[in-house]
N, C-alpha and C. Protein backbone atom coordinates (compact mmCIF):
# COMPACT_ATOMS: atom_id res chain seq x y z
N MET A 1 52.02 12.56 -28.60
CA MET A 1 51.02 12.04 -27.31
C MET A 1 49.26 12.39 -27.92
N ALA A 2 49.35 13.26 -28.72
CA ALA A 2 47.64 13.47 -29.09
C ALA A 2 47.45 12.13 -29.93
N TYR A 3 48.42 11.46 -30.61
CA TYR A 3 48.56 10.88 -31.76
C TYR A 3 47.81 9.41 -30.95
N VAL A 4 48.38 9.15 -29.36
CA VAL A 4 47.88 7.89 -28.63
C VAL A 4 46.34 8.67 -27.88
N VAL A 5 46.00 10.10 -27.78
CA VAL A 5 44.86 10.25 -27.56
C VAL A 5 43.57 9.79 -28.44
N LYS A 6 44.06 10.09 -29.55
CA LYS A 6 43.20 10.18 -30.77
C LYS A 6 42.72 8.68 -31.07
N PHE A 7 43.90 7.60 -31.04
CA PHE A 7 43.54 6.18 -31.36
C PHE A 7 42.70 5.51 -29.98
N SER A 8 42.98 6.38 -28.65
CA SER A 8 42.19 5.97 -27.44
C SER A 8 40.53 6.66 -27.72
N ARG A 9 40.60 7.30 -28.39
CA ARG A 9 38.73 7.38 -29.03
C ARG A 9 38.47 7.09 -29.89
N THR A 10 39.44 6.43 -31.11
CA THR A 10 38.43 6.28 -32.76
C THR A 10 38.62 4.57 -32.21
N LEU A 11 39.21 4.04 -31.31
CA LEU A 11 38.90 2.27 -31.63
C LEU A 11 38.04 1.78 -30.82
N PRO A 12 37.58 2.68 -29.43
CA PRO A 12 36.38 2.16 -29.17
C PRO A 12 34.89 2.66 -29.84
N ALA A 13 35.20 3.84 -30.71
CA ALA A 13 33.86 4.03 -31.86
C ALA A 13 33.81 2.94 -32.89
N LEU A 14 34.77 2.84 -33.48
CA LEU A 14 34.48 2.13 -34.50
C LEU A 14 34.28 0.30 -33.87
N LEU A 15 34.70 0.02 -32.64
CA LEU A 15 34.50 -1.53 -32.14
C LEU A 15 32.60 -1.07 -31.35
N CYS A 16 32.10 0.27 -31.37
CA CYS A 16 31.21 0.09 -31.00
C CYS A 16 30.34 0.02 -32.89
N LEU A 17 30.99 0.70 -33.52
CA LEU A 17 30.10 0.54 -34.92
C LEU A 17 30.25 -0.74 -35.14
N ALA A 18 31.06 -1.34 -35.37
CA ALA A 18 30.98 -2.99 -35.57
C ALA A 18 30.14 -3.83 -34.91
N ALA A 19 29.85 -3.84 -33.47
CA ALA A 19 28.95 -4.13 -32.98
C ALA A 19 27.52 -4.12 -33.08
N LEU A 20 26.98 -2.65 -33.27
CA LEU A 20 26.07 -2.13 -33.72
C LEU A 20 25.74 -2.60 -35.10
N SER A 21 26.40 -2.58 -36.32
CA SER A 21 25.98 -3.01 -37.44
C SER A 21 25.85 -4.05 -37.65
N ALA A 22 26.27 -4.95 -36.26
CA ALA A 22 26.44 -6.58 -36.88
C ALA A 22 25.12 -7.41 -35.76
N CYS A 23 24.42 -6.26 -35.26
CA CYS A 23 23.90 -6.93 -34.43
C CYS A 23 22.35 -7.67 -35.25
N THR A 24 21.98 -7.54 -36.20
CA THR A 24 20.94 -7.88 -37.13
C THR A 24 21.29 -9.48 -37.55
N SER A 25 20.69 -9.91 -37.28
CA SER A 25 20.82 -11.52 -37.65
C SER A 25 19.96 -11.20 -39.35
N SER A 26 20.55 -12.15 -40.18
CA SER A 26 19.76 -12.20 -41.66
C SER A 26 20.38 -13.34 -42.01
N GLU A 27 19.65 -14.03 -42.89
CA GLU A 27 19.94 -15.36 -43.65
C GLU A 27 19.95 -15.72 -44.98
N PRO A 28 21.24 -15.34 -45.56
CA PRO A 28 21.19 -14.91 -47.43
C PRO A 28 20.24 -16.47 -47.88
N GLY A 29 19.41 -15.59 -49.14
CA GLY A 29 18.76 -16.23 -49.89
C GLY A 29 17.14 -15.77 -50.03
N THR A 30 16.38 -16.52 -50.34
CA THR A 30 15.45 -15.90 -50.62
C THR A 30 14.31 -16.99 -50.04
N ALA A 31 13.37 -16.27 -49.36
CA ALA A 31 12.33 -17.16 -48.75
C ALA A 31 11.07 -17.66 -49.34
N SER A 32 10.87 -19.16 -49.16
CA SER A 32 9.74 -19.43 -49.79
C SER A 32 9.03 -20.30 -48.93
N PRO A 33 7.37 -20.77 -49.05
CA PRO A 33 6.86 -21.34 -48.40
C PRO A 33 7.67 -23.12 -48.20
N ALA A 34 7.39 -23.88 -47.32
CA ALA A 34 8.08 -25.34 -47.60
C ALA A 34 7.70 -26.06 -48.54
N GLY A 35 8.21 -27.01 -49.04
CA GLY A 35 7.46 -27.96 -50.17
C GLY A 35 7.55 -27.07 -51.92
N SER A 36 7.78 -25.39 -51.50
CA SER A 36 7.43 -24.90 -52.80
C SER A 36 8.71 -24.84 -53.60
N PRO A 37 8.83 -25.07 -55.39
CA PRO A 37 9.68 -25.46 -55.95
C PRO A 37 10.45 -24.00 -55.49
N THR A 38 11.59 -24.08 -55.70
CA THR A 38 12.83 -22.69 -56.65
C THR A 38 12.77 -22.57 -57.69
N GLN A 39 13.35 -21.10 -58.02
CA GLN A 39 13.14 -20.92 -59.06
C GLN A 39 14.49 -20.46 -59.32
N ALA A 40 14.74 -20.36 -60.29
CA ALA A 40 16.30 -20.05 -60.84
C ALA A 40 16.41 -18.58 -60.91
N VAL A 41 17.12 -17.83 -60.52
CA VAL A 41 17.35 -16.32 -60.89
C VAL A 41 17.61 -16.17 -62.34
N PRO A 42 16.95 -15.52 -63.16
CA PRO A 42 17.71 -15.46 -64.89
C PRO A 42 19.05 -14.37 -64.60
N THR A 43 20.25 -14.61 -65.20
CA THR A 43 21.14 -14.20 -65.24
C THR A 43 21.35 -13.45 -66.62
N GLY A 44 22.13 -12.28 -66.55
CA GLY A 44 21.91 -11.58 -67.90
C GLY A 44 22.68 -10.20 -67.17
N SER A 45 21.88 -9.17 -68.35
CA SER A 45 22.37 -7.42 -67.96
C SER A 45 21.59 -7.01 -66.89
N ALA A 46 20.91 -8.06 -66.16
CA ALA A 46 20.33 -6.91 -64.96
C ALA A 46 21.03 -5.82 -64.05
N ALA A 47 20.28 -5.19 -63.32
CA ALA A 47 21.40 -4.44 -62.35
C ALA A 47 21.99 -5.22 -61.38
N PRO A 48 23.35 -5.29 -60.96
CA PRO A 48 23.69 -6.27 -59.97
C PRO A 48 23.20 -5.85 -58.87
N SER A 49 22.88 -7.03 -57.87
CA SER A 49 22.23 -6.91 -56.72
C SER A 49 23.26 -6.74 -55.79
N GLY A 50 22.47 -6.17 -54.43
CA GLY A 50 23.66 -5.85 -53.23
C GLY A 50 24.28 -7.06 -52.83
N GLN A 51 24.26 -8.28 -53.05
CA GLN A 51 24.92 -9.78 -52.98
C GLN A 51 26.29 -9.04 -53.61
N ASP A 52 26.24 -8.32 -54.02
CA ASP A 52 27.85 -8.02 -55.55
C ASP A 52 28.72 -7.51 -54.33
N LEU A 53 28.13 -6.92 -53.00
CA LEU A 53 28.84 -5.97 -52.69
C LEU A 53 30.45 -6.96 -51.91
N SER A 54 29.82 -8.16 -51.85
CA SER A 54 30.66 -9.35 -51.03
C SER A 54 32.21 -9.04 -51.69
N ALA A 55 32.30 -8.96 -53.20
CA ALA A 55 33.47 -8.60 -53.93
C ALA A 55 33.83 -7.86 -53.70
N LEU A 56 33.27 -6.62 -53.20
CA LEU A 56 34.22 -5.16 -52.76
C LEU A 56 35.00 -5.27 -52.10
N ASP A 57 36.27 -4.52 -51.89
CA ASP A 57 37.28 -4.52 -51.12
C ASP A 57 37.08 -2.93 -50.49
N ALA A 58 36.45 -3.34 -48.89
CA ALA A 58 37.02 -1.75 -48.61
C ALA A 58 38.09 -0.75 -48.35
N CYS A 59 39.17 -1.19 -47.99
CA CYS A 59 40.54 -0.54 -48.17
C CYS A 59 40.50 -0.28 -49.43
N GLU A 60 40.50 -0.89 -50.75
CA GLU A 60 40.48 -0.55 -51.71
C GLU A 60 39.48 1.01 -52.17
N LEU A 61 38.33 0.52 -52.08
CA LEU A 61 37.63 2.00 -52.07
C LEU A 61 37.88 2.79 -51.34
N LEU A 62 38.64 3.09 -49.73
CA LEU A 62 39.51 4.37 -49.82
C LEU A 62 40.49 4.79 -50.11
N LYS A 63 41.63 3.82 -50.98
CA LYS A 63 42.59 3.84 -52.25
C LYS A 63 42.74 4.12 -53.42
N GLY A 64 41.23 4.42 -53.63
CA GLY A 64 41.18 4.82 -54.63
C GLY A 64 39.74 6.06 -54.58
N ILE A 65 40.36 6.77 -53.47
CA ILE A 65 40.08 8.15 -53.32
C ILE A 65 40.99 9.05 -53.11
N SER A 66 41.60 8.93 -53.01
CA SER A 66 42.94 9.41 -52.12
C SER A 66 43.15 10.76 -53.22
N SER A 67 42.70 10.83 -54.53
CA SER A 67 42.63 12.35 -54.90
C SER A 67 42.12 13.45 -54.23
N THR A 68 40.79 13.04 -53.83
CA THR A 68 39.73 13.10 -53.24
C THR A 68 39.70 13.44 -51.97
N VAL A 69 40.16 12.69 -51.36
CA VAL A 69 40.63 12.77 -49.43
C VAL A 69 41.73 12.20 -49.06
N PRO A 70 42.94 12.98 -49.62
CA PRO A 70 44.23 11.99 -49.37
C PRO A 70 44.07 11.88 -47.62
N THR A 71 44.46 10.06 -47.55
CA THR A 71 44.58 9.93 -45.92
C THR A 71 45.81 9.05 -46.25
N GLN A 72 46.24 8.67 -44.54
CA GLN A 72 47.41 7.66 -44.48
C GLN A 72 47.05 6.41 -45.27
N THR A 73 47.87 5.47 -45.12
CA THR A 73 47.57 4.04 -45.70
C THR A 73 46.75 3.19 -45.15
N PRO A 74 45.18 3.08 -45.54
CA PRO A 74 44.31 2.16 -44.90
C PRO A 74 44.94 1.16 -44.27
N LYS A 75 43.74 0.74 -43.18
CA LYS A 75 44.16 -0.28 -42.23
C LYS A 75 43.06 -1.65 -42.39
N GLU A 76 42.92 -2.30 -43.09
CA GLU A 76 41.84 -3.11 -42.82
C GLU A 76 41.80 -3.79 -41.36
N LEU A 77 40.17 -3.54 -40.84
CA LEU A 77 39.89 -3.77 -39.78
C LEU A 77 39.10 -5.29 -39.46
N GLY A 78 38.86 -6.16 -41.08
CA GLY A 78 37.82 -7.00 -40.81
C GLY A 78 37.89 -7.56 -42.67
N GLN A 79 36.57 -8.46 -42.32
CA GLN A 79 36.93 -8.76 -43.98
C GLN A 79 36.13 -7.68 -44.76
N HIS A 80 34.97 -6.71 -44.35
CA HIS A 80 34.91 -6.00 -44.81
C HIS A 80 34.80 -4.28 -44.45
N GLU A 81 35.84 -4.13 -43.47
CA GLU A 81 35.92 -2.94 -42.66
C GLU A 81 36.93 -2.60 -43.10
N CYS A 82 37.68 -1.42 -43.14
CA CYS A 82 38.86 -0.76 -43.56
C CYS A 82 38.49 0.65 -42.88
N GLU A 83 39.40 0.87 -42.18
CA GLU A 83 39.90 2.77 -41.86
C GLU A 83 41.11 3.46 -41.79
N ALA A 84 41.01 4.72 -42.51
CA ALA A 84 42.26 5.49 -42.34
C ALA A 84 42.33 6.39 -41.52
N VAL A 85 42.92 7.41 -41.52
CA VAL A 85 43.44 8.36 -40.95
C VAL A 85 43.72 9.36 -41.60
N VAL A 86 42.55 10.42 -41.62
CA VAL A 86 42.70 11.71 -42.69
C VAL A 86 44.01 12.64 -42.48
N ASN A 87 43.66 13.07 -41.54
CA ASN A 87 44.55 13.92 -40.45
C ASN A 87 44.66 13.90 -39.18
N ARG A 88 45.47 14.67 -38.52
CA ARG A 88 45.39 14.34 -37.15
C ARG A 88 44.06 14.66 -35.99
N ASP A 89 42.90 14.87 -36.57
CA ASP A 89 41.61 15.22 -36.06
C ASP A 89 40.66 14.19 -36.60
N HIS A 90 40.83 13.70 -37.59
CA HIS A 90 39.94 13.21 -38.33
C HIS A 90 40.22 11.18 -39.17
N THR A 91 39.38 11.01 -39.00
CA THR A 91 39.41 9.19 -39.41
C THR A 91 38.47 8.85 -40.07
N ILE A 92 38.91 8.00 -40.86
CA ILE A 92 37.39 7.89 -42.24
C ILE A 92 37.24 6.38 -42.01
N ALA A 93 36.41 5.68 -42.18
CA ALA A 93 35.90 4.41 -42.16
C ALA A 93 34.86 3.82 -42.95
N ILE A 94 35.05 2.26 -44.01
CA ILE A 94 34.27 1.77 -44.72
C ILE A 94 33.99 0.87 -43.86
N ASN A 95 32.37 0.52 -43.92
CA ASN A 95 32.10 -0.96 -43.28
C ASN A 95 30.58 -1.50 -44.69
N ILE A 96 31.56 -2.31 -45.24
CA ILE A 96 30.64 -3.06 -46.37
C ILE A 96 29.86 -4.14 -45.60
N ARG A 97 28.56 -3.96 -45.89
CA ARG A 97 27.68 -4.87 -45.26
C ARG A 97 26.82 -5.77 -46.44
N PRO A 98 27.15 -6.71 -46.71
CA PRO A 98 26.73 -7.72 -48.11
C PRO A 98 25.40 -8.04 -47.62
N GLU A 99 24.89 -8.53 -46.74
CA GLU A 99 23.63 -8.52 -46.06
C GLU A 99 22.97 -8.46 -45.18
N LEU A 100 22.94 -6.65 -45.21
CA LEU A 100 22.43 -5.81 -44.13
C LEU A 100 21.76 -4.89 -44.90
N GLY A 101 20.65 -4.42 -44.98
CA GLY A 101 20.41 -3.40 -45.91
C GLY A 101 20.02 -2.28 -44.77
N LEU A 102 19.36 -0.78 -45.49
CA LEU A 102 19.43 0.17 -45.02
C LEU A 102 18.63 0.22 -43.95
N ALA A 103 17.69 -0.24 -44.06
CA ALA A 103 16.53 -0.66 -42.92
C ALA A 103 17.09 -1.57 -41.72
N ASP A 104 18.18 -2.15 -41.81
CA ASP A 104 18.75 -3.38 -40.28
C ASP A 104 19.52 -2.16 -40.19
N TYR A 105 19.96 -1.02 -40.37
CA TYR A 105 21.24 -0.39 -39.71
C TYR A 105 20.35 -0.15 -38.09
N ASN A 106 21.10 -0.35 -37.21
CA ASN A 106 20.73 0.30 -36.10
C ASN A 106 20.96 1.40 -35.25
N LEU A 107 20.35 2.35 -35.28
CA LEU A 107 20.68 3.79 -34.52
C LEU A 107 20.99 3.44 -32.94
N GLY A 108 21.93 4.24 -32.73
CA GLY A 108 22.50 4.45 -31.32
C GLY A 108 21.54 4.88 -30.31
N SER A 109 21.49 5.44 -29.11
CA SER A 109 20.68 5.98 -28.47
C SER A 109 20.50 7.74 -28.74
N GLN A 110 22.27 7.79 -29.32
CA GLN A 110 21.72 9.56 -29.51
C GLN A 110 21.75 10.00 -30.83
N ALA A 111 21.54 8.82 -31.68
CA ALA A 111 21.70 9.30 -32.89
C ALA A 111 20.61 9.96 -33.70
N GLU A 112 21.26 10.92 -34.76
CA GLU A 112 19.56 11.75 -35.45
C GLU A 112 19.99 11.56 -36.98
N PRO A 113 18.91 10.66 -37.02
CA PRO A 113 19.03 10.16 -38.23
C PRO A 113 17.94 11.19 -39.19
N SER A 114 18.69 11.07 -40.95
CA SER A 114 17.74 11.77 -41.89
C SER A 114 18.02 11.43 -43.24
N ASP A 115 16.94 10.98 -43.93
CA ASP A 115 17.20 10.75 -45.50
C ASP A 115 17.90 11.72 -45.83
N THR A 116 18.97 10.60 -46.80
CA THR A 116 19.56 11.25 -47.65
C THR A 116 19.57 10.24 -49.42
N THR A 117 20.21 11.16 -50.41
CA THR A 117 20.36 10.47 -51.35
C THR A 117 22.44 10.95 -51.62
N VAL A 118 22.67 9.43 -52.25
CA VAL A 118 24.18 9.56 -52.40
C VAL A 118 24.41 8.95 -53.95
N GLY A 119 24.40 10.02 -54.73
CA GLY A 119 24.64 9.57 -55.87
C GLY A 119 22.95 8.91 -56.31
N SER A 120 22.95 7.30 -57.29
CA SER A 120 21.85 6.96 -57.42
C SER A 120 21.46 5.85 -56.22
N HIS A 121 21.91 6.08 -54.71
CA HIS A 121 21.31 5.12 -53.81
C HIS A 121 20.30 5.86 -52.81
N GLU A 122 19.89 5.24 -52.26
CA GLU A 122 19.14 6.15 -50.98
C GLU A 122 19.88 5.72 -49.79
N GLY A 123 19.60 6.40 -48.73
CA GLY A 123 20.69 6.66 -47.91
C GLY A 123 20.28 7.66 -46.65
N LYS A 124 21.22 7.76 -45.91
CA LYS A 124 20.29 7.97 -44.57
C LYS A 124 21.73 8.71 -43.94
N LEU A 125 22.09 10.08 -43.33
CA LEU A 125 22.81 10.42 -43.01
C LEU A 125 22.60 10.70 -41.10
N VAL A 126 23.87 10.07 -40.42
CA VAL A 126 23.22 9.59 -39.18
C VAL A 126 24.17 10.16 -38.48
N LYS A 127 24.14 11.62 -38.10
CA LYS A 127 24.94 12.40 -36.79
C LYS A 127 24.64 11.81 -35.48
N LYS A 128 25.83 11.69 -34.77
CA LYS A 128 25.87 11.00 -33.42
C LYS A 128 25.71 9.99 -33.88
N SER A 129 26.26 9.10 -34.39
CA SER A 129 25.92 7.69 -34.81
C SER A 129 26.30 6.86 -33.44
N LEU A 130 28.11 7.32 -33.14
CA LEU A 130 28.31 6.68 -31.62
C LEU A 130 28.41 7.46 -30.94
N THR A 131 28.86 8.53 -31.15
CA THR A 131 29.49 9.69 -29.78
C THR A 131 28.95 10.74 -30.76
N ASN A 132 29.22 12.08 -29.61
CA ASN A 132 28.45 13.23 -30.39
C ASN A 132 29.65 13.61 -31.43
N LEU A 133 30.70 13.32 -31.95
CA LEU A 133 31.39 13.43 -33.10
C LEU A 133 32.25 12.62 -34.48
N ASP A 134 30.84 11.78 -33.84
CA ASP A 134 31.08 10.98 -35.57
C ASP A 134 29.85 11.03 -36.29
N CYS A 135 29.89 10.64 -37.74
CA CYS A 135 28.76 11.09 -38.13
C CYS A 135 29.07 9.77 -39.59
N THR A 136 28.01 9.12 -39.81
CA THR A 136 27.73 7.87 -40.93
C THR A 136 26.70 8.55 -41.38
N VAL A 137 27.56 8.02 -43.06
CA VAL A 137 26.53 7.83 -44.07
C VAL A 137 26.53 6.21 -44.64
N VAL A 138 24.83 6.35 -44.57
CA VAL A 138 24.61 4.74 -45.13
C VAL A 138 24.35 4.68 -45.95
N ILE A 139 24.95 3.92 -47.15
CA ILE A 139 24.04 3.51 -48.37
C ILE A 139 23.41 2.38 -48.88
N GLY A 140 22.40 2.37 -48.83
CA GLY A 140 21.71 1.39 -49.59
C GLY A 140 22.19 0.78 -50.59
N VAL A 141 22.26 -0.53 -50.82
CA VAL A 141 22.73 -0.88 -52.44
C VAL A 141 21.74 -2.42 -52.12
N GLY A 142 20.60 -1.79 -52.79
CA GLY A 142 19.84 -2.96 -53.15
C GLY A 142 18.72 -3.14 -51.74
N ALA A 143 18.30 -3.92 -51.20
CA ALA A 143 17.41 -4.16 -50.04
C ALA A 143 17.89 -4.83 -49.53
N LYS A 144 18.82 -5.97 -49.67
CA LYS A 144 19.62 -6.22 -48.19
C LYS A 144 21.26 -5.75 -48.41
N ALA A 145 21.83 -4.84 -48.96
CA ALA A 145 22.83 -4.39 -48.59
C ALA A 145 22.84 -3.38 -48.29
N ARG A 146 24.38 -3.04 -48.18
CA ARG A 146 24.87 -1.14 -47.43
C ARG A 146 26.32 -1.51 -47.34
N VAL A 147 26.58 -0.07 -47.39
CA VAL A 147 28.19 0.56 -47.06
C VAL A 147 27.50 2.03 -46.39
N ASP A 148 28.17 1.20 -45.08
CA ASP A 148 28.52 2.57 -43.85
C ASP A 148 29.85 3.53 -44.16
N VAL A 149 29.83 4.60 -44.49
CA VAL A 149 30.95 5.60 -44.08
C VAL A 149 31.19 6.29 -42.86
N VAL A 150 31.61 5.73 -42.37
CA VAL A 150 31.82 6.18 -40.66
C VAL A 150 32.77 7.46 -40.56
N GLY A 151 32.38 9.06 -40.29
CA GLY A 151 33.55 9.98 -40.27
C GLY A 151 33.79 10.08 -38.43
N ILE A 152 35.00 10.37 -38.36
CA ILE A 152 35.12 10.41 -37.07
C ILE A 152 36.03 11.44 -36.84
N SER A 153 35.79 12.37 -35.71
CA SER A 153 36.54 13.61 -35.78
C SER A 153 36.32 14.40 -34.09
N ASP A 154 37.80 14.35 -33.82
CA ASP A 154 38.01 15.05 -32.43
C ASP A 154 38.09 16.49 -32.75
N ALA A 155 37.95 17.16 -33.46
CA ALA A 155 37.06 18.44 -33.56
C ALA A 155 35.29 19.19 -33.48
N SER A 156 34.27 18.32 -34.64
CA SER A 156 33.29 18.97 -34.63
C SER A 156 32.24 17.77 -35.25
N LEU A 157 31.33 17.73 -34.95
CA LEU A 157 29.96 16.91 -35.57
C LEU A 157 30.37 17.46 -37.28
N ASP A 158 30.15 18.34 -37.56
CA ASP A 158 29.81 19.11 -38.69
C ASP A 158 31.14 18.70 -39.49
N GLU A 159 32.36 18.67 -38.81
CA GLU A 159 33.87 17.97 -39.57
C GLU A 159 33.27 16.80 -40.15
N ALA A 160 32.96 15.53 -39.16
CA ALA A 160 33.11 14.36 -39.02
C ALA A 160 31.47 14.36 -40.64
N CYS A 161 30.62 15.32 -40.74
CA CYS A 161 29.23 14.72 -41.36
C CYS A 161 30.34 15.43 -43.00
N SER A 162 30.50 16.11 -42.62
CA SER A 162 31.25 16.69 -43.86
C SER A 162 32.41 15.57 -44.56
N LEU A 163 33.41 15.11 -43.90
CA LEU A 163 34.08 13.84 -44.41
C LEU A 163 33.15 12.62 -45.07
N ALA A 164 32.29 12.15 -43.95
CA ALA A 164 31.90 11.04 -44.69
C ALA A 164 30.96 11.31 -45.49
N THR A 165 30.42 12.19 -45.78
CA THR A 165 29.45 12.62 -47.09
C THR A 165 30.46 12.77 -48.17
N GLU A 166 31.24 14.03 -47.91
CA GLU A 166 32.69 13.63 -49.18
C GLU A 166 33.11 12.14 -49.54
N VAL A 167 33.67 11.42 -48.66
CA VAL A 167 33.96 10.18 -49.05
C VAL A 167 32.85 9.22 -50.05
N ALA A 168 31.49 9.46 -48.95
CA ALA A 168 30.77 8.37 -49.60
C ALA A 168 30.28 8.93 -50.73
N THR A 169 30.42 10.34 -51.18
CA THR A 169 29.86 10.35 -52.50
C THR A 169 30.93 10.49 -53.61
N ALA A 170 32.37 9.94 -53.18
CA ALA A 170 33.23 9.65 -54.18
C ALA A 170 33.49 7.89 -54.09
N ILE A 171 33.35 7.27 -53.27
CA ILE A 171 33.22 5.63 -53.29
C ILE A 171 31.63 5.09 -54.26
N GLU A 172 30.56 6.54 -54.16
CA GLU A 172 29.35 6.00 -54.89
C GLU A 172 29.24 5.48 -55.73
N PRO A 173 29.96 5.92 -57.02
CA PRO A 173 30.27 5.28 -58.89
C PRO A 173 30.96 3.89 -58.41
N LYS A 174 31.15 3.31 -57.76
CA LYS A 174 32.26 2.30 -57.20
C LYS A 174 30.78 1.05 -57.03
N LEU A 175 29.64 1.65 -56.81
CA LEU A 175 29.01 0.34 -56.16
C LEU A 175 27.70 -0.02 -56.94
N PRO A 176 27.07 -1.49 -57.05
CA PRO A 176 26.50 -1.25 -58.06
C PRO A 176 25.47 -1.51 -57.72
């Protein structure tokens, strides 16, 4: 019975997260005045851009941290979204946003954001991102890309934030 309750609490939270994070419209590419010539971007050993996130697989990121945060088999929710049950009271989700940057994150009405750093990336820790018992670590990857790591807890907000932070720290080295 506890699993049914857990699922019924997790699904609405994840659906709300998908809706909130998809609210910003963006057009890929570089803006330039009409009639201006476009310039080719040089290739080489430059740091990867945020657009490289489109090649990442959220479920593979979760599978890759199983020694740090053991989870059940991750479940794909969409092209760039994946979730996994950690235990009876905790679920983790990763949402890759290859065209939405840190500044594009939409805060919920009760959200409590604070600036943070995850490895070498700027980020935000958003307590109560959707409900009173979830927490999101938003990792900026370039100006127009990010990865959202959502910790969902049936126990406490602190546990949700601890889980999201632990997973964000574990996947950060794999990000461009």
